[in-house]
Protein backbone atom coordinates (compact mmCIF):
# COMPACT_ATOMS: atom_id res chain seq x y z
CA MET A 1 110.28 93.73 102.49
CA THR A 2 112.38 96.39 104.73
CA GLY A 3 112.41 99.31 101.94
CA THR A 4 108.96 98.61 100.82
CA VAL A 5 107.75 98.79 104.63
CA ILE A 6 109.35 102.19 104.77
CA GLU A 7 108.13 103.49 101.17
CA PHE A 8 104.29 103.05 101.89
CA TYR A 9 104.91 103.69 105.63
CA ASP A 10 105.76 107.38 104.49
CA PHE A 11 102.94 107.14 101.95
CA PHE A 12 100.23 105.69 104.16
CA ILE A 13 101.03 108.24 107.36
CA TYR A 14 100.21 110.98 104.97
CA GLY A 15 96.41 109.24 104.42
CA THR A 16 95.96 108.69 108.33
CA ALA A 17 97.15 112.54 109.07
CA ALA A 18 94.66 113.36 106.02
CA ALA A 19 91.87 111.77 107.64
CA LEU A 20 92.39 112.94 111.02
CA VAL A 21 93.91 116.37 110.96
CA PHE A 22 95.03 118.04 107.53
CA ASN A 23 91.25 119.13 107.40
CA LYS A 24 92.02 121.42 110.65
CA VAL A 25 95.75 122.60 109.90
CA PHE A 26 95.35 123.18 106.20
CA PHE A 27 91.82 123.45 105.38
CA PRO A 28 90.46 125.03 108.59
CA GLU A 29 87.91 127.73 106.64
CA LEU A 30 85.76 124.61 105.08
CA GLY A 31 84.25 122.79 108.15
CA ALA A 32 84.87 119.41 108.71
CA ALA A 33 82.91 117.57 105.97
CA ALA A 34 84.51 119.68 103.04
CA GLY A 35 87.66 120.08 104.70
CA THR A 36 87.97 116.04 105.19
CA ALA A 37 87.09 115.52 101.18
CA LEU A 38 89.58 118.13 100.00
CA ALA A 39 92.52 116.56 102.96
CA LEU A 40 91.48 113.06 101.31
CA ALA A 41 91.47 114.96 97.29
CA THR A 42 94.96 115.84 97.99
CA PHE A 43 95.70 112.17 99.17
CA GLY A 44 94.26 111.14 95.91
CA VAL A 45 96.46 113.56 93.91
CA ALA A 46 99.38 111.13 94.52
CA PHE A 47 97.59 108.68 92.54
CA VAL A 48 97.71 110.11 89.56
CA ALA A 49 101.33 110.61 89.89
CA ARG A 50 102.15 107.14 90.13
CA PRO A 51 101.67 105.84 86.98
CA PHE A 52 103.85 108.90 85.82
CA GLY A 53 106.47 107.33 88.36
CA SER A 54 105.85 103.90 87.13
CA VAL A 55 107.04 105.16 83.62
CA LEU A 56 109.89 107.47 84.73
CA PHE A 57 111.27 104.98 86.97
CA GLY A 58 110.30 102.00 84.77
CA HIS A 59 112.63 103.29 82.15
CA PHE A 60 115.67 103.61 84.46
CA GLY A 61 114.86 100.42 86.12
CA ASP A 62 114.76 98.44 82.86
CA LYS A 63 117.54 100.29 81.39
CA LEU A 64 120.11 100.71 84.18
CA GLY A 65 119.44 98.06 86.68
CA ARG A 66 116.39 97.57 89.60
CA LYS A 67 118.98 98.20 92.35
CA ARG A 68 119.83 101.51 91.37
CA THR A 69 116.38 102.63 90.69
CA LEU A 70 115.18 101.56 94.26
CA VAL A 71 117.64 103.43 95.77
CA THR A 72 116.64 106.68 94.26
CA THR A 73 112.80 106.21 94.87
CA LEU A 74 113.49 105.64 98.43
CA LEU A 75 115.41 108.82 98.72
CA LEU A 76 113.05 110.83 96.92
CA MET A 77 109.96 109.25 98.93
CA GLY A 78 112.11 110.16 102.55
CA LEU A 79 113.15 113.69 101.57
CA SER A 80 109.29 114.49 100.60
CA THR A 81 108.15 112.73 103.71
CA LEU A 82 110.28 114.93 105.81
CA ALA A 83 109.31 118.18 104.00
CA ILE A 84 105.82 117.42 104.72
CA GLY A 85 106.61 117.18 108.69
CA LEU A 86 108.54 120.45 108.22
CA LEU A 87 105.56 122.15 106.47
CA PRO A 88 104.08 125.29 107.95
CA THR A 89 100.26 125.26 108.12
CA THR A 90 97.79 127.38 106.37
CA GLY A 91 97.53 129.88 109.42
CA THR A 92 101.31 130.66 109.03
CA ILE A 93 101.75 130.91 105.10
CA GLY A 94 98.28 131.27 104.20
CA ILE A 95 97.50 129.52 100.73
CA LEU A 96 100.94 128.55 99.88
CA ALA A 97 100.71 125.45 102.34
CA PRO A 98 98.05 123.47 100.72
CA ILE A 99 99.85 124.51 97.45
CA LEU A 100 103.33 122.95 98.68
CA LEU A 101 101.48 120.22 100.62
CA VAL A 102 99.98 119.04 96.95
CA ILE A 103 103.70 119.44 95.48
CA LEU A 104 104.85 117.22 97.69
CA ARG A 105 102.37 114.67 97.69
CA ILE A 106 103.10 114.26 93.79
CA LEU A 107 106.84 114.07 94.54
CA GLN A 108 105.42 111.21 97.06
CA GLY A 109 103.36 109.69 94.62
CA LEU A 110 105.85 109.50 91.68
CA ALA A 111 108.38 107.68 94.18
CA VAL A 112 105.84 105.13 95.37
CA GLY A 113 104.73 104.55 91.50
CA GLY A 114 108.41 103.47 90.68
CA GLU A 115 108.67 101.50 93.98
CA TRP A 116 106.46 98.53 93.67
CA ALA A 117 107.56 96.95 90.52
CA GLY A 118 111.44 97.45 91.29
CA ALA A 119 110.99 95.94 94.75
CA THR A 120 108.85 92.88 93.74
CA LEU A 121 111.20 92.43 90.57
CA LEU A 122 114.15 92.00 93.48
CA THR A 123 112.24 88.93 94.82
CA ALA A 124 110.46 87.41 91.62
CA GLU A 125 113.47 87.82 89.48
CA ASN A 126 115.92 86.22 92.14
CA SER A 127 113.69 83.55 93.32
CA PRO A 128 113.19 79.87 92.47
CA GLY A 129 110.18 79.43 89.96
CA LYS A 130 108.39 76.67 91.80
CA THR A 131 108.49 79.37 95.34
CA ARG A 132 108.25 82.35 93.43
CA GLY A 133 104.86 83.13 95.09
CA ARG A 134 106.50 82.39 98.43
CA TYR A 135 109.79 84.69 97.70
CA ALA A 136 107.53 87.61 96.27
CA LEU A 137 105.04 87.89 99.19
CA PHE A 138 107.54 89.60 101.14
CA PRO A 139 107.28 93.27 99.00
CA GLN A 140 103.91 92.55 98.73
CA LEU A 141 103.75 92.62 103.07
CA GLY A 142 105.05 96.22 102.76
CA PRO A 143 101.62 97.84 102.65
CA SER A 144 99.89 95.71 105.51
CA LEU A 145 102.88 96.28 107.76
CA ALA A 146 103.14 100.03 107.10
CA PHE A 147 99.72 100.33 107.56
CA ALA A 148 100.02 98.68 111.07
CA LEU A 149 102.79 100.80 111.75
CA ALA A 150 101.56 103.92 110.63
CA SER A 151 98.39 103.23 112.94
CA ALA A 152 100.65 102.35 116.06
CA THR A 153 102.85 105.67 115.32
CA PHE A 154 99.74 107.92 115.43
CA LEU A 155 98.28 105.74 118.11
CA THR A 156 101.37 106.25 120.24
CA THR A 157 101.30 110.53 119.65
CA ALA A 158 97.54 110.48 120.60
CA LEU A 159 98.00 108.44 123.90
CA THR A 160 101.03 110.58 124.91
CA MET A 161 99.68 114.35 124.30
CA SER A 162 96.55 116.13 124.26
CA ASN A 163 94.35 116.49 121.22
CA GLU A 164 95.58 120.03 120.99
CA ALA A 165 99.18 119.26 121.36
CA PHE A 166 98.29 116.59 118.19
CA LEU A 167 96.65 119.31 115.93
CA ALA A 168 99.47 122.18 117.09
CA TRP A 169 102.67 119.75 116.73
CA GLY A 170 102.00 115.97 117.14
CA TRP A 171 101.28 115.02 113.53
CA ARG A 172 104.43 116.19 112.34
CA VAL A 173 106.37 113.44 114.58
CA PRO A 174 105.53 110.63 112.28
CA PHE A 175 106.76 112.44 109.28
CA ILE A 176 109.96 113.22 111.07
CA ALA A 177 110.52 110.23 112.45
CA SER A 178 110.51 108.47 108.97
CA VAL A 179 114.08 109.56 108.44
CA LEU A 180 115.18 106.76 110.81
CA LEU A 181 113.56 104.16 108.95
CA VAL A 182 114.51 105.72 105.43
CA ALA A 183 118.38 105.60 106.99
CA VAL A 184 117.66 101.78 107.56
CA GLY A 185 116.33 101.15 104.29
CA LEU A 186 119.21 102.89 102.18
CA TYR A 187 121.51 100.96 104.02
CA VAL A 188 119.67 97.79 103.12
CA ARG A 189 118.89 98.83 99.47
CA LEU A 190 122.84 99.87 98.99
CA ALA A 191 123.65 96.19 100.08
CA ILE A 192 121.71 94.21 97.75
CA THR A 193 122.69 92.88 94.22
CA GLU A 194 121.28 93.13 91.13
CA THR A 195 118.73 90.38 89.80
CA ALA A 196 119.92 87.30 87.98
CA ALA A 197 117.27 87.99 85.71
CA PHE A 198 118.45 91.51 84.60
CA ARG A 199 121.94 90.38 84.82
CA SER A 200 121.40 87.70 82.20
CA ARG A 201 118.66 89.69 79.94
CA ASP A 202 119.46 89.31 76.08
CA LYS A 203 121.25 92.73 75.26
CA ASN A 204 119.81 92.26 71.66
CA VAL A 205 116.51 92.82 72.32
CA SER A 206 116.80 95.89 74.53
CA THR A 207 114.91 98.79 73.85
CA ARG A 208 115.58 102.59 73.84
CA MET A 209 112.03 103.50 75.24
CA PRO A 210 110.66 100.39 77.42
CA VAL A 211 106.81 102.45 77.74
CA ALA A 212 106.53 102.53 73.77
CA GLU A 213 107.31 98.70 73.43
CA VAL A 214 104.61 97.85 76.23
CA LEU A 215 102.06 100.39 74.79
CA THR A 216 102.76 99.01 71.39
CA THR A 217 102.93 95.19 72.32
CA HIS A 218 100.25 94.55 74.59
CA PRO A 219 98.49 97.63 75.85
CA ARG A 220 95.27 95.26 76.40
CA ARG A 221 97.37 92.79 79.00
CA VAL A 222 98.47 96.08 80.73
CA LEU A 223 94.40 97.29 81.03
CA LEU A 224 93.59 93.58 81.98
CA ALA A 225 96.11 93.20 84.71
CA ALA A 226 94.94 96.91 86.13
CA GLY A 227 91.49 95.94 86.19
CA SER A 228 92.13 92.49 87.56
CA THR A 229 94.16 94.28 90.60
CA MET A 230 91.49 97.51 90.96
CA ALA A 231 89.15 96.02 93.54
CA VAL A 232 92.66 95.05 95.80
CA PHE A 233 93.36 98.84 95.61
CA ALA A 234 89.41 99.91 96.29
CA PHE A 235 89.32 97.79 99.15
CA PHE A 236 92.55 98.80 100.85
CA TYR A 237 92.35 102.48 100.49
CA ILE A 238 88.70 102.22 101.83
CA GLY A 239 90.02 100.64 104.79
CA VAL A 240 93.32 102.66 105.31
CA THR A 241 92.20 106.26 104.59
CA TYR A 242 88.28 106.68 104.40
CA LEU A 243 87.63 104.00 107.40
CA THR A 244 89.63 106.41 109.42
CA SER A 245 87.67 109.52 109.04
CA TYR A 246 84.68 107.43 108.83
CA GLY A 247 85.18 105.61 112.42
CA THR A 248 85.63 108.96 114.01
CA GLN A 249 83.69 111.55 112.30
CA ASN A 250 80.52 109.54 111.15
CA LEU A 251 80.73 106.46 113.96
CA GLY A 252 82.04 108.67 117.00
CA LEU A 253 84.30 106.38 117.64
CA PRO A 254 87.32 107.74 119.41
CA ARG A 255 90.91 108.12 117.55
CA THR A 256 92.44 105.80 119.82
CA THR A 257 90.26 103.10 119.08
CA VAL A 258 90.22 103.59 115.29
CA LEU A 259 94.15 103.62 115.21
CA ALA A 260 94.32 100.54 117.31
CA MET A 261 91.82 98.40 115.21
CA GLY A 262 93.92 99.89 112.12
CA ILE A 263 96.84 97.95 113.91
CA ILE A 264 94.53 94.75 113.86
CA GLY A 265 93.39 95.29 110.19
CA GLY A 266 97.00 95.74 108.88
CA LEU A 267 98.06 92.50 110.29
CA VAL A 268 94.83 90.32 109.19
CA PHE A 269 95.74 91.73 105.51
CA ALA A 270 99.47 90.50 106.27
CA GLY A 271 98.08 87.17 106.95
CA THR A 272 95.87 86.77 104.04
CA THR A 273 98.96 88.14 102.03
CA ILE A 274 100.83 85.44 102.99
CA ALA A 275 98.38 82.48 102.71
CA GLY A 276 97.62 83.97 99.16
CA ALA A 277 101.00 83.81 98.08
CA ILE A 278 102.01 80.76 99.30
CA LEU A 279 98.72 79.01 98.01
CA SER A 280 99.41 80.52 94.42
CA ASP A 281 102.82 78.36 94.25
CA ARG A 282 100.25 75.33 94.63
CA VAL A 283 96.99 76.05 92.73
CA GLY A 284 98.09 79.14 90.63
CA ARG A 285 98.25 82.82 90.70
CA ARG A 286 95.15 83.33 88.23
CA LYS A 287 93.05 80.95 90.27
CA MET A 288 93.95 82.54 93.91
CA ILE A 289 93.17 85.95 92.61
CA ILE A 290 89.59 84.82 91.15
CA ILE A 291 89.34 83.52 94.60
CA GLY A 292 89.99 86.78 96.11
CA ASN A 293 88.01 88.93 93.58
CA SER A 294 84.97 86.58 93.98
CA LEU A 295 85.18 86.97 97.72
CA SER A 296 85.27 90.79 97.41
CA VAL A 297 82.39 90.70 96.24
CA VAL A 298 80.74 89.30 99.29
CA ALA A 299 82.91 91.42 101.42
CA GLY A 300 81.71 94.58 99.86
CA ILE A 301 78.00 94.06 100.76
CA ILE A 302 78.54 92.93 104.34
CA ALA A 303 81.40 95.42 105.68
CA PHE A 304 79.26 98.63 105.84
CA PRO A 305 76.71 96.75 107.87
CA ILE A 306 78.83 95.17 110.16
CA LEU A 307 81.09 98.57 110.65
CA ASP A 308 77.82 100.70 111.12
CA ILE A 309 77.11 98.84 114.48
CA ALA A 310 79.35 101.25 115.84
CA THR A 311 81.31 99.46 118.37
CA ALA A 312 84.74 99.23 118.91
CA TRP A 313 84.93 95.56 118.19
CA SER A 314 82.08 95.74 115.34
CA PHE A 315 84.68 98.58 113.94
CA GLY A 316 87.71 96.25 113.92
CA LEU A 317 85.69 93.20 112.69
CA GLY A 318 84.27 95.39 109.37
CA LEU A 319 87.78 96.76 108.96
CA ALA A 320 89.42 93.05 109.30
CA VAL A 321 86.39 92.15 106.49
CA VAL A 322 87.59 95.12 103.99
CA LEU A 323 91.48 94.35 104.64
CA GLY A 324 91.43 90.98 105.08
CA VAL A 325 89.72 90.16 101.46
CA VAL A 326 92.49 92.19 100.01
CA GLY A 327 95.13 89.69 100.96
CA ILE A 328 93.88 86.68 98.79
CA ALA A 329 94.25 88.42 95.48
CA TYR A 330 96.98 90.63 96.33
CA GLY A 331 99.62 87.73 97.67
CA PRO A 332 99.54 86.22 94.31
CA GLN A 333 100.26 89.19 92.14
CA GLY A 334 103.78 89.57 93.28
CA ALA A 335 104.71 86.92 91.18
CA GLN A 336 101.99 87.23 88.68
CA LEU A 337 102.33 90.97 87.30
CA PRO A 338 106.01 90.25 87.03
CA GLU A 339 105.49 87.02 85.20
CA LEU A 340 103.25 89.06 82.48
CA PHE A 341 106.12 90.94 80.94
CA PRO A 342 109.47 90.17 79.67
CA THR A 343 112.75 91.34 80.96
CA HIS A 344 113.86 94.34 79.18
CA TYR A 345 110.44 96.04 80.05
CA ARG A 346 109.34 94.32 82.82
CA TYR A 347 109.86 96.67 85.20
CA THR A 348 107.96 99.63 83.29
CA GLY A 349 104.90 97.07 81.96
CA ALA A 350 104.26 95.74 85.85
CA GLY A 351 104.51 99.13 87.22
CA MET A 352 102.11 100.72 84.78
CA ALA A 353 99.81 98.16 85.43
CA TYR A 354 99.95 98.30 89.27
CA ASN A 355 99.68 101.77 89.28
CA LEU A 356 97.09 102.36 86.66
CA ALA A 357 95.05 100.33 89.43
CA GLY A 358 95.74 102.56 92.20
CA VAL A 359 94.23 105.29 90.07
CA LEU A 360 91.06 103.63 89.44
CA GLY A 361 90.77 102.09 92.55
CA GLY A 362 92.76 103.87 95.32
CA GLY A 363 92.59 107.43 94.20
CA VAL A 364 89.01 107.77 92.66
CA VAL A 365 87.17 105.25 95.23
CA PRO A 366 87.65 106.78 98.57
CA LEU A 367 86.55 110.25 97.31
CA ILE A 368 83.60 108.90 95.53
CA ALA A 369 82.84 107.03 99.18
CA THR A 370 82.95 110.45 100.37
CA ALA A 371 80.40 112.00 98.33
CA LEU A 372 77.85 108.71 98.43
CA VAL A 373 77.76 109.08 102.24
CA ALA A 374 77.21 112.82 101.94
CA SER A 375 74.48 112.59 99.19
CA LEU A 376 72.67 109.49 100.28
CA GLY A 377 73.15 109.39 103.87
CA SER A 378 73.64 105.36 103.69
CA SER A 379 77.39 103.73 103.89
CA LEU A 380 75.49 100.82 102.13
CA ALA A 381 76.08 102.24 98.61
CA ILE A 382 79.73 102.54 99.25
CA GLY A 383 79.64 98.51 99.76
CA ILE A 384 77.61 98.22 96.26
CA LEU A 385 80.04 100.27 94.83
CA LEU A 386 83.04 97.96 95.99
CA ALA A 387 81.17 94.74 94.96
CA GLY A 388 80.57 96.16 91.63
CA LEU A 389 84.42 96.91 91.10
CA SER A 390 85.15 93.29 92.56
CA LEU A 391 82.94 91.92 89.81
CA VAL A 392 85.00 93.82 87.18
CA SER A 393 88.02 92.52 88.53
CA LEU A 394 87.24 89.32 88.42
CA LEU A 395 85.99 89.34 84.38
CA CYS A 396 89.33 91.14 84.07
CA THR A 397 91.12 88.27 85.90
CA LEU A 398 89.32 85.32 83.95
CA ALA A 399 90.31 87.35 80.47
CA LEU A 400 94.25 86.94 81.55
CA PRO A 401 96.28 84.75 80.63
CA ASP A 402 97.94 82.05 83.30
CA THR A 403 101.22 82.63 84.35
CA ASP A 404 103.43 79.51 85.69
CA ALA A 405 106.78 79.04 87.45
CA ALA A 406 108.86 79.28 83.84
CA SER A 407 107.32 82.48 82.77
CA ILE A 408 110.31 84.82 83.86
CA GLU A 409 112.85 82.48 82.47
CA THR A 410 110.91 81.66 79.43
CA THR A 411 109.08 84.80 78.29
CA SER A 412 110.55 86.23 74.96
CA PRO A 413 109.04 89.63 73.56
CA ALA A 414 107.20 87.65 70.89
CA ALA A 415 105.48 85.27 73.09
CA ALA A 416 104.50 87.93 75.21
CA THR A 417 102.22 89.62 73.01
CA ALA A 418 100.05 86.69 72.90
């Protein structure tokens, strides 16, 4: 959990900065709306890189082990984040600044693409089967706690310096300070042991190219798992990136208010993640994800009318609805996605499904949301979009097989093709 919080903290402070300040320091000539859209586009670039990261690090995670691969992803993320914090602005080095920003964002995307599957397997493959949902929830807490931490960091800078100072140098502080968190995460990851499932895997069924075997044996399962997870990403990244700029620019709320409500939203997401994961041990992973995706249909419709009341508390309630509904389905997926694939290409298979969902739901939807509001002048269209994506995720979940406590121990390559 510690390592995953740090990875996603580094990933999310970019999103917060893109919504609040990157349009001014890297795209100053475009104006507020176009600058914000392009800043969010650089945020979305990482989602294109994430599936490639899942393939790259999944290969080494399945061949060399989960632990060594996770140390590499942490270092790549930490160094890329530090470099963003030290990057000169467009006013200093011209067009080279946004180009370097995109390159560093791609490196962040590669790192986080390999992060989730490895961190989840560390818990899922070491946990007792009947309580795997409870154990696997800890890396699932990474995004929610990281978003709360990122919001708190930016809130602290906003409360302790002027807006001019924040634009000049204050936005760099969260990026540079993340080096301290990376040091802690590196210490933890060097101290952990390799998973029991990886150490006891059948060497006779190992494969030279895990990605090739995943794509030839069950592409349908990867696609359905990605579709099942797509609504989770859509709601989450609307909440952590788009609503940050929507609250300040469209609703006219103070930046400090939006950031403070972000902390509350992150904690609500953490609470529903815990509940969804624990209940999945009792009622089943698939059933909890069906419940979560069904509730997301309703949440998509009601969230923006609440947000558009445009008070501090209505914004907080709307954000809690958007992020809170995510955890119900997201919590069980820490156990469910690893249970869908056999050990010798589990890192690759689970990571590909998860990060493909990230492209479809997290990378594209915030950009569409910006365009919808700009062209239609109404935020209700975003809610309808979210509800529609939730219906797709619900149908994909219904088409997936159920998994159970024994899946990781008993799934064979032959059985997994079912």
